[in-house]
């Protein structure tokens, strides 16, 4: 985990390289307290994809717990009946 002071943001090339090599977030502090997080766009996109997938898994688990699922065989049987397969 990299932590840099706010004044270092002036050197954008350094911060860009730091984000790239860190392959994770870089925390920016102001007066010793966390203020910002800077990250490489690829890391951001991977993180957002993981969050999207986790949200969908959680929705599936909720559906399962609420009894909103059909077993595969009954779905296949219904489709075969509907489409004459």
Protein backbone atom coordinates (compact mmCIF):
# COMPACT_ATOMS: atom_id res chain seq x y z
CA UNK A 1 0.00 0.00 0.00
CA UNK A 2 1.41 3.34 -1.04
CA UNK A 3 0.69 6.55 0.85
CA UNK A 4 1.73 9.91 -0.56
CA UNK A 5 1.20 13.47 0.69
CA UNK A 6 -1.13 15.79 -1.21
CA UNK A 7 1.75 17.96 -2.40
CA UNK A 8 3.12 15.01 -4.43
CA UNK A 9 0.06 15.16 -6.71
CA UNK A 10 1.80 18.00 -8.55
CA UNK A 11 4.15 15.42 -10.06
CA UNK A 12 1.54 13.63 -12.16
CA UNK A 13 4.07 11.46 -13.98
CA UNK A 14 5.37 10.11 -10.65
CA UNK A 15 1.83 9.43 -9.40
CA UNK A 16 0.89 7.72 -12.68
CA UNK A 17 3.92 5.43 -12.50
CA UNK A 18 3.26 4.74 -8.82
CA UNK A 19 -0.32 3.71 -9.61
CA UNK A 20 0.89 1.47 -12.42
CA UNK A 21 3.59 -0.27 -10.41
CA UNK A 22 1.48 -0.54 -7.25
CA UNK A 23 -1.31 -2.28 -9.19
CA UNK A 24 -3.67 -1.04 -6.53
CA UNK A 25 -4.85 2.14 -4.89
CA UNK A 26 -2.49 4.91 -3.83
CA UNK A 27 -3.69 6.77 -0.76
CA UNK A 28 -3.22 10.53 -0.63
CA UNK A 29 -2.99 12.29 2.72
CA UNK A 30 -3.50 15.88 3.75
CA UNK A 31 -2.12 16.99 7.11
CA UNK A 32 -1.54 13.33 8.00
CA UNK A 33 -5.11 12.21 7.34
CA UNK A 34 -6.42 10.16 4.44
CA UNK A 35 -8.05 12.40 1.87
CA UNK A 36 -8.04 10.79 -1.60
CA UNK A 37 -7.48 7.51 -3.36
CA UNK A 38 -5.85 7.42 -6.79
CA UNK A 39 -5.70 4.29 -8.93
CA UNK A 40 -4.85 3.04 -12.39
CA UNK A 41 -7.91 2.78 -14.67
CA UNK A 42 -7.30 -0.94 -15.26
CA UNK A 43 -7.28 -1.59 -11.52
CA UNK A 44 -10.46 0.47 -11.17
CA UNK A 45 -12.21 -1.48 -13.95
CA UNK A 46 -11.19 -4.84 -12.43
CA UNK A 47 -12.42 -3.71 -9.03
CA UNK A 48 -15.75 -2.50 -10.43
CA UNK A 49 -16.18 -5.80 -12.31
CA UNK A 50 -15.62 -7.75 -9.09
CA UNK A 51 -18.17 -5.58 -7.30
CA UNK A 52 -20.70 -6.12 -10.11
CA UNK A 53 -20.17 -9.88 -9.96
CA UNK A 54 -20.44 -9.94 -6.16
CA UNK A 55 -23.69 -7.97 -6.35
CA UNK A 56 -25.13 -10.50 -8.82
CA UNK A 57 -24.02 -13.45 -6.69
CA UNK A 58 -25.66 -11.84 -3.67
CA UNK A 59 -28.87 -11.31 -5.67
CA UNK A 60 -28.81 -15.00 -6.64
CA UNK A 61 -28.32 -16.04 -3.03
CA UNK A 62 -31.23 -13.82 -2.00
CA UNK A 63 -33.43 -15.38 -4.70
CA UNK A 64 -32.45 -18.83 -3.49
CA UNK A 65 -33.21 -17.94 0.13
CA UNK A 66 -36.57 -16.46 -0.91
CA UNK A 67 -37.50 -19.61 -2.87
CA UNK A 68 -37.54 -17.80 -6.23
CA UNK A 69 -35.66 -20.53 -8.11
CA UNK A 70 -36.77 -23.40 -10.32
CA UNK A 71 -34.75 -26.56 -10.62
CA UNK A 72 -33.10 -27.15 -13.97
CA UNK A 73 -34.99 -30.29 -14.89
CA UNK A 74 -38.41 -28.64 -14.50
CA UNK A 75 -37.30 -25.70 -16.65
CA UNK A 76 -36.01 -28.06 -19.37
CA UNK A 77 -39.23 -30.09 -19.25
CA UNK A 78 -41.33 -26.93 -19.55
CA UNK A 79 -39.29 -25.72 -22.54
CA UNK A 80 -39.53 -29.11 -24.24
CA UNK A 81 -43.29 -29.07 -23.77
CA UNK A 82 -43.64 -25.49 -24.98
CA UNK A 83 -41.47 -25.87 -28.06
CA UNK A 84 -42.11 -29.55 -28.83
CA UNK A 85 -38.50 -30.60 -28.51
